[in-house]
C-alpha atoms as a PDB file:
ATOM      1  CA  UNK A   1     103.126 -24.053 -48.681  1.00  0.00           C
ATOM      2  CA  UNK A   2     102.124 -26.832 -46.189  1.00  0.00           C
ATOM      3  CA  UNK A   3     100.279 -30.016 -47.031  1.00  0.00           C
ATOM      4  CA  UNK A   4      96.704 -30.464 -45.827  1.00  0.00           C
ATOM      5  CA  UNK A   5      97.726 -33.612 -43.949  1.00  0.00           C
ATOM      6  CA  UNK A   6     100.388 -31.711 -41.965  1.00  0.00           C
ATOM      7  CA  UNK A   7      97.935 -28.912 -41.145  1.00  0.00           C
ATOM      8  CA  UNK A   8      95.319 -31.445 -39.992  1.00  0.00           C
ATOM      9  CA  UNK A   9      97.910 -33.287 -37.887  1.00  0.00           C
ATOM     10  CA  UNK A  10      98.950 -30.085 -36.091  1.00  0.00           C
ATOM     11  CA  UNK A  11      95.318 -28.997 -35.676  1.00  0.00           C
ATOM     12  CA  UNK A  12      94.329 -32.336 -34.126  1.00  0.00           C
ATOM     13  CA  UNK A  13      97.291 -32.385 -31.726  1.00  0.00           C
ATOM     14  CA  UNK A  14      96.810 -28.845 -30.364  1.00  0.00           C
ATOM     15  CA  UNK A  15      94.025 -27.918 -27.945  1.00  0.00           C
ATOM     16  CA  UNK A  16      92.495 -24.528 -28.718  1.00  0.00           C
ATOM     17  CA  UNK A  17      91.404 -24.294 -25.054  1.00  0.00           C
ATOM     18  CA  UNK A  18      94.996 -24.750 -23.857  1.00  0.00           C
ATOM     19  CA  UNK A  19      96.350 -22.219 -26.344  1.00  0.00           C
ATOM     20  CA  UNK A  20      93.753 -19.508 -25.671  1.00  0.00           C
ATOM     21  CA  UNK A  21      93.819 -20.366 -21.954  1.00  0.00           C
ATOM     22  CA  UNK A  22      97.445 -19.216 -21.924  1.00  0.00           C
ATOM     23  CA  UNK A  23      96.200 -15.687 -22.653  1.00  0.00           C
ATOM     24  CA  UNK A  24      92.633 -15.620 -21.289  1.00  0.00           C
ATOM     25  CA  UNK A  25      91.392 -16.919 -17.932  1.00  0.00           C
ATOM     26  CA  UNK A  26      88.861 -19.573 -18.992  1.00  0.00           C
ATOM     27  CA  UNK A  27      86.375 -21.479 -16.822  1.00  0.00           C
ATOM     28  CA  UNK A  28      84.575 -24.638 -17.870  1.00  0.00           C
ATOM     29  CA  UNK A  29      80.842 -24.134 -18.350  1.00  0.00           C
ATOM     30  CA  UNK A  30      78.959 -27.079 -19.796  1.00  0.00           C
ATOM     31  CA  UNK A  31      80.782 -28.417 -22.841  1.00  0.00           C
ATOM     32  CA  UNK A  32      82.695 -25.200 -23.517  1.00  0.00           C
ATOM     33  CA  UNK A  33      84.919 -22.754 -21.660  1.00  0.00           C
ATOM     34  CA  UNK A  34      84.104 -19.091 -21.049  1.00  0.00           C
ATOM     35  CA  UNK A  35      86.083 -15.985 -20.191  1.00  0.00           C
ATOM     36  CA  UNK A  36      86.373 -12.263 -20.739  1.00  0.00           C
ATOM     37  CA  UNK A  37      86.917 -11.424 -24.400  1.00  0.00           C
ATOM     38  CA  UNK A  38      90.464 -10.302 -25.247  1.00  0.00           C
ATOM     39  CA  UNK A  39      89.155  -8.217 -28.176  1.00  0.00           C
ATOM     40  CA  UNK A  40      87.019  -5.745 -26.211  1.00  0.00           C
ATOM     41  CA  UNK A  41      86.402  -4.602 -22.626  1.00  0.00           C
ATOM     42  CA  UNK A  42      83.634  -6.398 -20.784  1.00  0.00           C
ATOM     43  CA  UNK A  43      82.599  -7.230 -17.223  1.00  0.00           C
ATOM     44  CA  UNK A  44      80.572 -10.387 -17.910  1.00  0.00           C
ATOM     45  CA  UNK A  45      82.178 -13.287 -19.804  1.00  0.00           C
ATOM     46  CA  UNK A  46      80.820 -13.644 -23.335  1.00  0.00           C
ATOM     47  CA  UNK A  47      83.870 -15.305 -24.927  1.00  0.00           C
ATOM     48  CA  UNK A  48      83.311 -19.041 -25.507  1.00  0.00           C
ATOM     49  CA  UNK A  49      85.918 -21.617 -26.527  1.00  0.00           C
ATOM     50  CA  UNK A  50      85.054 -25.175 -27.546  1.00  0.00           C
ATOM     51  CA  UNK A  51      87.711 -27.892 -27.493  1.00  0.00           C
ATOM     52  CA  UNK A  52      85.239 -30.253 -29.145  1.00  0.00           C
ATOM     53  CA  UNK A  53      84.749 -27.940 -32.143  1.00  0.00           C
ATOM     54  CA  UNK A  54      88.237 -26.306 -32.014  1.00  0.00           C
ATOM     55  CA  UNK A  55      86.362 -22.985 -32.182  1.00  0.00           C
ATOM     56  CA  UNK A  56      86.010 -19.678 -30.328  1.00  0.00           C
ATOM     57  CA  UNK A  57      83.288 -17.018 -30.447  1.00  0.00           C
ATOM     58  CA  UNK A  58      82.508 -13.837 -28.545  1.00  0.00           C
ATOM     59  CA  UNK A  59      78.805 -13.178 -28.252  1.00  0.00           C
ATOM     60  CA  UNK A  60      79.574  -9.560 -27.300  1.00  0.00           C
ATOM     61  CA  UNK A  61      81.676  -8.312 -30.219  1.00  0.00           C
ATOM     62  CA  UNK A  62      81.233 -11.166 -32.722  1.00  0.00           C
ATOM     63  CA  UNK A  63      84.903 -12.162 -32.941  1.00  0.00           C
ATOM     64  CA  UNK A  64      85.194 -15.825 -33.900  1.00  0.00           C
ATOM     65  CA  UNK A  65      87.466 -18.360 -35.479  1.00  0.00           C
ATOM     66  CA  UNK A  66      88.780 -21.883 -35.507  1.00  0.00           C
ATOM     67  CA  UNK A  67      92.090 -23.526 -34.829  1.00  0.00           C
ATOM     68  CA  UNK A  68      92.780 -23.038 -38.542  1.00  0.00           C
ATOM     69  CA  UNK A  69      92.601 -19.290 -38.034  1.00  0.00           C
ATOM     70  CA  UNK A  70      89.576 -18.687 -40.237  1.00  0.00           C
ATOM     71  CA  UNK A  71      86.252 -17.204 -39.195  1.00  0.00           C
END
């Protein structure tokens, strides 16, 4: 399919915060960004996105993943 080097190159050049931020209103809090989870209805932000780790996780519903798309 695609070589590991190409996948790593794309992963390192794309910011998961910028991509998710196009769909979810994120605010910087500490070293990560937080917002309302797009996977369930909530009033208090529990959806965290880390540019440093290229990772997202919702502490409300448990949805999580990385820029590679895996959990």
